[in-house]
Amino acid sequence: MWWTAWWVWMVAGLALAILEVLAPGWIFLGFAIGSAVTGALLWIGGPFMAFVEGSLPLTLLVFAILSLVSWVVLRKVFGLRGGSVKTFDHDINEN
């Protein structure tokens, strides 16, 4: 059961972070953070992760929720700021 190994999720997070560097767009970084947090939760354990650990669908659900939350947080913190688009009222070739 490879999905219960915490280091598999950490390696996947590292691979997704490297992919984000090669193809930037804030998409893979959310998945990388979700994978790393899933790996950390599996490593730490606890009663909730003991329940999730035996089931692939539940583990993937935790990964998907953590990835979505991290992507939303990244979008809030580093997203496009309002008023960053410059508009011109006149032709730049007019003298």
PDB file of N, CA and C in Angstrom:
ATOM      1  N   MET A   1       0.839  -1.167   0.000  1.00  0.00           N
ATOM      2  CA  MET A   1       0.000   0.000   0.000  1.00  0.00           C
ATOM      3  C   MET A   1       0.895   1.245   0.000  1.00  0.00           C
ATOM      4  N   TRP A   2       1.258   1.693  -1.159  1.00  0.00           N
ATOM      5  CA  TRP A   2       2.179   2.820  -1.305  1.00  0.00           C
ATOM      6  C   TRP A   2       1.582   4.138  -0.828  1.00  0.00           C
ATOM      7  N   TRP A   3       0.270   4.261  -0.846  1.00  0.00           N
ATOM      8  CA  TRP A   3      -0.328   5.544  -0.477  1.00  0.00           C
ATOM      9  C   TRP A   3      -0.308   5.778   1.028  1.00  0.00           C
ATOM     10  N   THR A   4       0.051   4.775   1.805  1.00  0.00           N
ATOM     11  CA  THR A   4       0.137   4.965   3.254  1.00  0.00           C
ATOM     12  C   THR A   4       1.541   5.361   3.692  1.00  0.00           C
ATOM     13  N   ALA A   5       2.497   5.332   2.777  1.00  0.00           N
ATOM     14  CA  ALA A   5       3.864   5.721   3.122  1.00  0.00           C
ATOM     15  C   ALA A   5       3.988   7.238   3.050  1.00  0.00           C
ATOM     16  N   TRP A   6       4.386   7.846   4.149  1.00  0.00           N
ATOM     17  CA  TRP A   6       4.464   9.305   4.202  1.00  0.00           C
ATOM     18  C   TRP A   6       5.498   9.848   3.242  1.00  0.00           C
ATOM     19  N   TRP A   7       6.593   9.107   3.056  1.00  0.00           N
ATOM     20  CA  TRP A   7       7.661   9.601   2.202  1.00  0.00           C
ATOM     21  C   TRP A   7       7.250   9.644   0.731  1.00  0.00           C
ATOM     22  N   VAL A   8       6.283   8.810   0.326  1.00  0.00           N
ATOM     23  CA  VAL A   8       5.798   8.843  -1.060  1.00  0.00           C
ATOM     24  C   VAL A   8       5.101  10.181  -1.317  1.00  0.00           C
ATOM     25  N   TRP A   9       4.318  10.639  -0.359  1.00  0.00           N
ATOM     26  CA  TRP A   9       3.632  11.921  -0.501  1.00  0.00           C
ATOM     27  C   TRP A   9       4.623  13.075  -0.477  1.00  0.00           C
ATOM     28  N   MET A  10       5.680  12.976   0.310  1.00  0.00           N
ATOM     29  CA  MET A  10       6.704  14.020   0.349  1.00  0.00           C
ATOM     30  C   MET A  10       7.475  14.085  -0.974  1.00  0.00           C
ATOM     31  N   VAL A  11       7.803  12.932  -1.527  1.00  0.00           N
ATOM     32  CA  VAL A  11       8.499  12.897  -2.821  1.00  0.00           C
ATOM     33  C   VAL A  11       7.591  13.459  -3.913  1.00  0.00           C
ATOM     34  N   ALA A  12       6.321  13.121  -3.870  1.00  0.00           N
ATOM     35  CA  ALA A  12       5.376  13.667  -4.849  1.00  0.00           C
ATOM     36  C   ALA A  12       5.269  15.185  -4.696  1.00  0.00           C
ATOM     37  N   GLY A  13       5.264  15.676  -3.473  1.00  0.00           N
ATOM     38  CA  GLY A  13       5.234  17.120  -3.242  1.00  0.00           C
ATOM     39  C   GLY A  13       6.476  17.808  -3.783  1.00  0.00           C
ATOM     40  N   LEU A  14       7.632  17.189  -3.602  1.00  0.00           N
ATOM     41  CA  LEU A  14       8.870  17.741  -4.129  1.00  0.00           C
ATOM     42  C   LEU A  14       8.860  17.746  -5.655  1.00  0.00           C
ATOM     43  N   ALA A  15       8.380  16.670  -6.252  1.00  0.00           N
ATOM     44  CA  ALA A  15       8.298  16.599  -7.718  1.00  0.00           C
ATOM     45  C   ALA A  15       7.336  17.656  -8.265  1.00  0.00           C
ATOM     46  N   LEU A  16       6.227  17.874  -7.593  1.00  0.00           N
ATOM     47  CA  LEU A  16       5.274  18.899  -8.029  1.00  0.00           C
ATOM     48  C   LEU A  16       5.838  20.303  -7.836  1.00  0.00           C
ATOM     49  N   ALA A  17       6.621  20.512  -6.789  1.00  0.00           N
ATOM     50  CA  ALA A  17       7.256  21.815  -6.592  1.00  0.00           C
ATOM     51  C   ALA A  17       8.289  22.082  -7.686  1.00  0.00           C
ATOM     52  N   ILE A  18       9.036  21.070  -8.080  1.00  0.00           N
ATOM     53  CA  ILE A  18       9.988  21.214  -9.182  1.00  0.00           C
ATOM     54  C   ILE A  18       9.243  21.483 -10.481  1.00  0.00           C
ATOM     55  N   LEU A  19       8.129  20.813 -10.689  1.00  0.00           N
ATOM     56  CA  LEU A  19       7.315  21.054 -11.882  1.00  0.00           C
ATOM     57  C   LEU A  19       6.773  22.482 -11.889  1.00  0.00           C
ATOM     58  N   GLU A  20       6.464  23.025 -10.731  1.00  0.00           N
ATOM     59  CA  GLU A  20       6.000  24.411 -10.642  1.00  0.00           C
ATOM     60  C   GLU A  20       7.091  25.379 -11.067  1.00  0.00           C
ATOM     61  N   VAL A  21       8.337  25.069 -10.731  1.00  0.00           N
ATOM     62  CA  VAL A  21       9.441  25.928 -11.140  1.00  0.00           C
ATOM     63  C   VAL A  21       9.605  25.887 -12.659  1.00  0.00           C
ATOM     64  N   LEU A  22       9.423  24.715 -13.247  1.00  0.00           N
ATOM     65  CA  LEU A  22       9.585  24.575 -14.688  1.00  0.00           C
ATOM     66  C   LEU A  22       8.407  25.126 -15.475  1.00  0.00           C
ATOM     67  N   ALA A  23       7.213  25.066 -14.913  1.00  0.00           N
ATOM     68  CA  ALA A  23       6.002  25.563 -15.586  1.00  0.00           C
ATOM     69  C   ALA A  23       5.202  26.399 -14.594  1.00  0.00           C
ATOM     70  N   PRO A  24       5.638  27.656 -14.364  1.00  0.00           N
ATOM     71  CA  PRO A  24       4.973  28.457 -13.331  1.00  0.00           C
ATOM     72  C   PRO A  24       3.538  28.794 -13.689  1.00  0.00           C
ATOM     73  N   GLY A  25       2.737  28.929 -12.686  1.00  0.00           N
ATOM     74  CA  GLY A  25       1.336  29.269 -12.877  1.00  0.00           C
ATOM     75  C   GLY A  25       0.521  29.103 -11.613  1.00  0.00           C
ATOM     76  N   TRP A  26       1.150  28.829 -10.488  1.00  0.00           N
ATOM     77  CA  TRP A  26       0.516  28.661  -9.187  1.00  0.00           C
ATOM     78  C   TRP A  26      -0.403  27.458  -9.107  1.00  0.00           C
ATOM     79  N   ILE A  27      -0.438  26.615 -10.124  1.00  0.00           N
ATOM     80  CA  ILE A  27      -1.305  25.441 -10.093  1.00  0.00           C
ATOM     81  C   ILE A  27      -0.611  24.297  -9.362  1.00  0.00           C
ATOM     82  N   PHE A  28       0.591  23.961  -9.781  1.00  0.00           N
ATOM     83  CA  PHE A  28       1.288  22.819  -9.196  1.00  0.00           C
ATOM     84  C   PHE A  28       1.744  23.092  -7.764  1.00  0.00           C
ATOM     85  N   LEU A  29       1.928  24.350  -7.407  1.00  0.00           N
ATOM     86  CA  LEU A  29       2.365  24.668  -6.050  1.00  0.00           C
ATOM     87  C   LEU A  29       1.291  24.310  -5.029  1.00  0.00           C
ATOM     88  N   GLY A  30       0.031  24.513  -5.369  1.00  0.00           N
ATOM     89  CA  GLY A  30      -1.054  24.108  -4.469  1.00  0.00           C
ATOM     90  C   GLY A  30      -1.088  22.605  -4.270  1.00  0.00           C
ATOM     91  N   PHE A  31      -0.882  21.867  -5.368  1.00  0.00           N
ATOM     92  CA  PHE A  31      -0.819  20.410  -5.251  1.00  0.00           C
ATOM     93  C   PHE A  31       0.408  19.966  -4.466  1.00  0.00           C
ATOM     94  N   ALA A  32       1.528  20.671  -4.640  1.00  0.00           N
ATOM     95  CA  ALA A  32       2.750  20.321  -3.911  1.00  0.00           C
ATOM     96  C   ALA A  32       2.557  20.524  -2.412  1.00  0.00           C
ATOM     97  N   ILE A  33       1.926  21.634  -2.041  1.00  0.00           N
ATOM     98  CA  ILE A  33       1.671  21.890  -0.622  1.00  0.00           C
ATOM     99  C   ILE A  33       0.681  20.862  -0.071  1.00  0.00           C
ATOM    100  N   GLY A  34      -0.358  20.545  -0.834  1.00  0.00           N
ATOM    101  CA  GLY A  34      -1.319  19.533  -0.405  1.00  0.00           C
ATOM    102  C   GLY A  34      -0.674  18.176  -0.204  1.00  0.00           C
ATOM    103  N   SER A  35       0.220  17.816  -1.102  1.00  0.00           N
ATOM    104  CA  SER A  35       0.917  16.538  -0.982  1.00  0.00           C
ATOM    105  C   SER A  35       1.861  16.526   0.217  1.00  0.00           C
ATOM    106  N   ALA A  36       2.574  17.623   0.428  1.00  0.00           N
ATOM    107  CA  ALA A  36       3.495  17.691   1.565  1.00  0.00           C
ATOM    108  C   ALA A  36       2.740  17.647   2.894  1.00  0.00           C
ATOM    109  N   VAL A  37       1.615  18.344   2.979  1.00  0.00           N
ATOM    110  CA  VAL A  37       0.839  18.322   4.222  1.00  0.00           C
ATOM    111  C   VAL A  37       0.221  16.941   4.439  1.00  0.00           C
ATOM    112  N   THR A  38      -0.226  16.295   3.373  1.00  0.00           N
ATOM    113  CA  THR A  38      -0.748  14.932   3.499  1.00  0.00           C
ATOM    114  C   THR A  38       0.343  13.992   4.002  1.00  0.00           C
ATOM    115  N   GLY A  39       1.545  14.131   3.458  1.00  0.00           N
ATOM    116  CA  GLY A  39       2.674  13.326   3.935  1.00  0.00           C
ATOM    117  C   GLY A  39       3.009  13.603   5.382  1.00  0.00           C
ATOM    118  N   ALA A  40       2.955  14.882   5.769  1.00  0.00           N
ATOM    119  CA  ALA A  40       3.231  15.231   7.166  1.00  0.00           C
ATOM    120  C   ALA A  40       2.167  14.666   8.095  1.00  0.00           C
ATOM    121  N   LEU A  41       0.905  14.712   7.677  1.00  0.00           N
ATOM    122  CA  LEU A  41      -0.158  14.144   8.511  1.00  0.00           C
ATOM    123  C   LEU A  41      -0.020  12.631   8.641  1.00  0.00           C
ATOM    124  N   LEU A  42       0.378  11.968   7.560  1.00  0.00           N
ATOM    125  CA  LEU A  42       0.601  10.527   7.647  1.00  0.00           C
ATOM    126  C   LEU A  42       1.804  10.208   8.525  1.00  0.00           C
ATOM    127  N   TRP A  43       2.813  11.072   8.503  1.00  0.00           N
ATOM    128  CA  TRP A  43       3.999  10.855   9.311  1.00  0.00           C
ATOM    129  C   TRP A  43       3.686  11.070  10.787  1.00  0.00           C
ATOM    130  N   ILE A  44       2.936  12.137  11.090  1.00  0.00           N
ATOM    131  CA  ILE A  44       2.572  12.426  12.480  1.00  0.00           C
ATOM    132  C   ILE A  44       1.575  11.396  13.005  1.00  0.00           C
ATOM    133  N   GLY A  45       0.619  11.042  12.157  1.00  0.00           N
ATOM    134  CA  GLY A  45      -0.380  10.051  12.545  1.00  0.00           C
ATOM    135  C   GLY A  45      -1.534  10.683  13.287  1.00  0.00           C
ATOM    136  N   GLY A  46      -1.992  10.008  14.298  1.00  0.00           N
ATOM    137  CA  GLY A  46      -3.133  10.503  15.064  1.00  0.00           C
ATOM    138  C   GLY A  46      -4.377   9.692  14.749  1.00  0.00           C
ATOM    139  N   PRO A  47      -5.446   9.931  15.491  1.00  0.00           N
ATOM    140  CA  PRO A  47      -6.660   9.124  15.307  1.00  0.00           C
ATOM    141  C   PRO A  47      -7.330   9.360  13.956  1.00  0.00           C
ATOM    142  N   PHE A  48      -7.301  10.596  13.451  1.00  0.00           N
ATOM    143  CA  PHE A  48      -7.949  10.869  12.169  1.00  0.00           C
ATOM    144  C   PHE A  48      -7.182  10.201  11.019  1.00  0.00           C
ATOM    145  N   MET A  49      -5.882  10.320  11.023  1.00  0.00           N
ATOM    146  CA  MET A  49      -5.095   9.738   9.938  1.00  0.00           C
ATOM    147  C   MET A  49      -5.052   8.209  10.038  1.00  0.00           C
ATOM    148  N   ALA A  50      -5.225   7.660  11.217  1.00  0.00           N
ATOM    149  CA  ALA A  50      -5.305   6.208  11.339  1.00  0.00           C
ATOM    150  C   ALA A  50      -6.556   5.701  10.637  1.00  0.00           C
ATOM    151  N   PHE A  51      -7.619   6.488  10.672  1.00  0.00           N
ATOM    152  CA  PHE A  51      -8.853   6.141   9.968  1.00  0.00           C
ATOM    153  C   PHE A  51      -8.680   6.286   8.460  1.00  0.00           C
ATOM    154  N   VAL A  52      -7.997   7.333   8.040  1.00  0.00           N
ATOM    155  CA  VAL A  52      -7.822   7.625   6.611  1.00  0.00           C
ATOM    156  C   VAL A  52      -6.758   6.733   5.996  1.00  0.00           C
ATOM    157  N   GLU A  53      -5.781   6.338   6.772  1.00  0.00           N
ATOM    158  CA  GLU A  53      -4.596   5.655   6.272  1.00  0.00           C
ATOM    159  C   GLU A  53      -4.895   4.374   5.499  1.00  0.00           C
ATOM    160  N   GLY A  54      -5.905   3.646   5.856  1.00  0.00           N
ATOM    161  CA  GLY A  54      -6.165   2.369   5.212  1.00  0.00           C
ATOM    162  C   GLY A  54      -6.950   2.463   3.919  1.00  0.00           C
ATOM    163  N   SER A  55      -7.443   3.634   3.568  1.00  0.00           N
ATOM    164  CA  SER A  55      -8.320   3.775   2.420  1.00  0.00           C
ATOM    165  C   SER A  55      -7.726   4.753   1.405  1.00  0.00           C
ATOM    166  N   LEU A  56      -7.552   4.289   0.187  1.00  0.00           N
ATOM    167  CA  LEU A  56      -7.041   5.156  -0.873  1.00  0.00           C
ATOM    168  C   LEU A  56      -8.011   6.293  -1.191  1.00  0.00           C
ATOM    169  N   PRO A  57      -9.324   6.050  -1.331  1.00  0.00           N
ATOM    170  CA  PRO A  57     -10.223   7.171  -1.630  1.00  0.00           C
ATOM    171  C   PRO A  57     -10.223   8.252  -0.545  1.00  0.00           C
ATOM    172  N   LEU A  58     -10.175   7.854   0.719  1.00  0.00           N
ATOM    173  CA  LEU A  58     -10.155   8.848   1.789  1.00  0.00           C
ATOM    174  C   LEU A  58      -8.833   9.611   1.822  1.00  0.00           C
ATOM    175  N   THR A  59      -7.726   8.930   1.545  1.00  0.00           N
ATOM    176  CA  THR A  59      -6.437   9.603   1.485  1.00  0.00           C
ATOM    177  C   THR A  59      -6.408  10.603   0.339  1.00  0.00           C
ATOM    178  N   LEU A  60      -6.933  10.221  -0.810  1.00  0.00           N
ATOM    179  CA  LEU A  60      -6.989  11.143  -1.942  1.00  0.00           C
ATOM    180  C   LEU A  60      -7.938  12.309  -1.674  1.00  0.00           C
ATOM    181  N   LEU A  61      -8.999  12.056  -0.916  1.00  0.00           N
ATOM    182  CA  LEU A  61      -9.910  13.131  -0.543  1.00  0.00           C
ATOM    183  C   LEU A  61      -9.216  14.153   0.361  1.00  0.00           C
ATOM    184  N   VAL A  62      -8.441  13.670   1.329  1.00  0.00           N
ATOM    185  CA  VAL A  62      -7.682  14.561   2.200  1.00  0.00           C
ATOM    186  C   VAL A  62      -6.687  15.364   1.366  1.00  0.00           C
ATOM    187  N   PHE A  63      -5.993  14.708   0.431  1.00  0.00           N
ATOM    188  CA  PHE A  63      -5.053  15.400  -0.454  1.00  0.00           C
ATOM    189  C   PHE A  63      -5.754  16.462  -1.293  1.00  0.00           C
ATOM    190  N   ALA A  64      -6.914  16.132  -1.844  1.00  0.00           N
ATOM    191  CA  ALA A  64      -7.647  17.086  -2.680  1.00  0.00           C
ATOM    192  C   ALA A  64      -8.116  18.293  -1.864  1.00  0.00           C
ATOM    193  N   ILE A  65      -8.617  18.058  -0.671  1.00  0.00           N
ATOM    194  CA  ILE A  65      -9.093  19.169   0.168  1.00  0.00           C
ATOM    195  C   ILE A  65      -7.926  20.055   0.586  1.00  0.00           C
ATOM    196  N   LEU A  66      -6.815  19.446   0.993  1.00  0.00           N
ATOM    197  CA  LEU A  66      -5.649  20.235   1.391  1.00  0.00           C
ATOM    198  C   LEU A  66      -5.078  21.014   0.209  1.00  0.00           C
ATOM    199  N   SER A  67      -5.086  20.429  -0.980  1.00  0.00           N
ATOM    200  CA  SER A  67      -4.594  21.117  -2.169  1.00  0.00           C
ATOM    201  C   SER A  67      -5.486  22.300  -2.519  1.00  0.00           C
ATOM    202  N   LEU A  68      -6.783  22.108  -2.427  1.00  0.00           N
ATOM    203  CA  LEU A  68      -7.714  23.195  -2.725  1.00  0.00           C
ATOM    204  C   LEU A  68      -7.563  24.340  -1.722  1.00  0.00           C
ATOM    205  N   VAL A  69      -7.456  24.007  -0.448  1.00  0.00           N
ATOM    206  CA  VAL A  69      -7.291  25.034   0.572  1.00  0.00           C
ATOM    207  C   VAL A  69      -5.973  25.792   0.365  1.00  0.00           C
ATOM    208  N   SER A  70      -4.899  25.068   0.074  1.00  0.00           N
ATOM    209  CA  SER A  70      -3.619  25.743  -0.128  1.00  0.00           C
ATOM    210  C   SER A  70      -3.645  26.607  -1.380  1.00  0.00           C
ATOM    211  N   TRP A  71      -4.312  26.165  -2.438  1.00  0.00           N
ATOM    212  CA  TRP A  71      -4.410  26.966  -3.656  1.00  0.00           C
ATOM    213  C   TRP A  71      -5.208  28.244  -3.400  1.00  0.00           C
ATOM    214  N   VAL A  72      -6.297  28.138  -2.642  1.00  0.00           N
ATOM    215  CA  VAL A  72      -7.109  29.321  -2.332  1.00  0.00           C
ATOM    216  C   VAL A  72      -6.298  30.302  -1.483  1.00  0.00           C
ATOM    217  N   VAL A  73      -5.546  29.799  -0.512  1.00  0.00           N
ATOM    218  CA  VAL A  73      -4.717  30.670   0.317  1.00  0.00           C
ATOM    219  C   VAL A  73      -3.635  31.339  -0.529  1.00  0.00           C
ATOM    220  N   LEU A  74      -2.992  30.584  -1.401  1.00  0.00           N
ATOM    221  CA  LEU A  74      -1.990  31.177  -2.292  1.00  0.00           C
ATOM    222  C   LEU A  74      -2.606  32.237  -3.186  1.00  0.00           C
ATOM    223  N   ARG A  75      -3.792  31.981  -3.676  1.00  0.00           N
ATOM    224  CA  ARG A  75      -4.476  32.946  -4.544  1.00  0.00           C
ATOM    225  C   ARG A  75      -4.814  34.223  -3.781  1.00  0.00           C
ATOM    226  N   LYS A  76      -5.238  34.079  -2.507  1.00  0.00           N
ATOM    227  CA  LYS A  76      -5.552  35.242  -1.682  1.00  0.00           C
ATOM    228  C   LYS A  76      -4.296  36.061  -1.382  1.00  0.00           C
ATOM    229  N   VAL A  77      -3.210  35.373  -1.044  1.00  0.00           N
ATOM    230  CA  VAL A  77      -1.997  36.066  -0.624  1.00  0.00           C
ATOM    231  C   VAL A  77      -1.240  36.649  -1.816  1.00  0.00           C
ATOM    232  N   PHE A  78      -1.071  35.865  -2.889  1.00  0.00           N
ATOM    233  CA  PHE A  78      -0.233  36.283  -3.999  1.00  0.00           C
ATOM    234  C   PHE A  78      -1.003  36.569  -5.278  1.00  0.00           C
ATOM    235  N   GLY A  79      -2.323  36.636  -5.213  1.00  0.00           N
ATOM    236  CA  GLY A  79      -3.139  36.809  -6.410  1.00  0.00           C
ATOM    237  C   GLY A  79      -2.998  38.186  -7.032  1.00  0.00           C
ATOM    238  N   LEU A  80      -3.681  38.387  -8.128  1.00  0.00           N
ATOM    239  CA  LEU A  80      -3.667  39.638  -8.851  1.00  0.00           C
ATOM    240  C   LEU A  80      -4.283  40.736  -7.997  1.00  0.00           C
ATOM    241  N   ARG A  81      -3.554  41.797  -7.822  1.00  0.00           N
ATOM    242  CA  ARG A  81      -4.037  42.923  -7.032  1.00  0.00           C
ATOM    243  C   ARG A  81      -4.955  43.791  -7.886  1.00  0.00           C
ATOM    244  N   GLY A  82      -5.945  44.374  -7.263  1.00  0.00           N
ATOM    245  CA  GLY A  82      -6.860  45.259  -7.959  1.00  0.00           C
ATOM    246  C   GLY A  82      -6.155  46.518  -8.438  1.00  0.00           C
ATOM    247  N   GLY A  83      -6.509  46.964  -9.633  1.00  0.00           N
ATOM    248  CA  GLY A  83      -5.918  48.177 -10.177  1.00  0.00           C
ATOM    249  C   GLY A  83      -4.547  47.982 -10.782  1.00  0.00           C
ATOM    250  N   SER A  84      -4.149  46.764 -11.033  1.00  0.00           N
ATOM    251  CA  SER A  84      -2.817  46.534 -11.584  1.00  0.00           C
ATOM    252  C   SER A  84      -2.787  46.631 -13.104  1.00  0.00           C
ATOM    253  N   VAL A  85      -3.933  46.796 -13.733  1.00  0.00           N
ATOM    254  CA  VAL A  85      -3.993  46.919 -15.177  1.00  0.00           C
ATOM    255  C   VAL A  85      -3.948  48.397 -15.530  1.00  0.00           C
ATOM    256  N   LYS A  86      -3.002  48.774 -16.405  1.00  0.00           N
ATOM    257  CA  LYS A  86      -2.876  50.170 -16.802  1.00  0.00           C
ATOM    258  C   LYS A  86      -3.670  50.406 -18.079  1.00  0.00           C
ATOM    259  N   THR A  87      -4.492  51.433 -18.075  1.00  0.00           N
ATOM    260  CA  THR A  87      -5.271  51.786 -19.257  1.00  0.00           C
ATOM    261  C   THR A  87      -4.811  53.134 -19.775  1.00  0.00           C
ATOM    262  N   PHE A  88      -4.929  53.302 -21.073  1.00  0.00           N
ATOM    263  CA  PHE A  88      -4.532  54.543 -21.722  1.00  0.00           C
ATOM    264  C   PHE A  88      -5.767  55.210 -22.288  1.00  0.00           C
ATOM    265  N   ASP A  89      -5.884  56.540 -22.083  1.00  0.00           N
ATOM    266  CA  ASP A  89      -7.010  57.317 -22.588  1.00  0.00           C
ATOM    267  C   ASP A  89      -6.693  57.989 -23.917  1.00  0.00           C
ATOM    268  N   HIS A  90      -5.449  57.961 -24.317  1.00  0.00           N
ATOM    269  CA  HIS A  90      -5.073  58.616 -25.560  1.00  0.00           C
ATOM    270  C   HIS A  90      -4.098  57.743 -26.331  1.00  0.00           C
ATOM    271  N   ASP A  91      -3.945  58.079 -27.599  1.00  0.00           N
ATOM    272  CA  ASP A  91      -3.027  57.354 -28.462  1.00  0.00           C
ATOM    273  C   ASP A  91      -1.596  57.816 -28.156  1.00  0.00           C
ATOM    274  N   ILE A  92      -0.689  56.885 -27.983  1.00  0.00           N
ATOM    275  CA  ILE A  92       0.678  57.244 -27.631  1.00  0.00           C
ATOM    276  C   ILE A  92       1.416  57.871 -28.822  1.00  0.00           C
ATOM    277  N   ASN A  93       0.886  57.758 -30.022  1.00  0.00           N
ATOM    278  CA  ASN A  93       1.521  58.338 -31.207  1.00  0.00           C
ATOM    279  C   ASN A  93       1.078  59.775 -31.458  1.00  0.00           C
ATOM    280  N   GLU A  94       0.110  60.281 -30.735  1.00  0.00           N
ATOM    281  CA  GLU A  94      -0.316  61.666 -30.902  1.00  0.00           C
ATOM    282  C   GLU A  94       0.676  62.594 -30.242  1.00  0.00           C
ATOM    283  N   ASN A  95       0.914  63.723 -30.901  1.00  0.00           N
ATOM    284  CA  ASN A  95       1.863  64.702 -30.330  1.00  0.00           C
ATOM    285  C   ASN A  95       1.143  65.834 -29.704  1.00  0.00           C
TER     286      ASN A  95
END
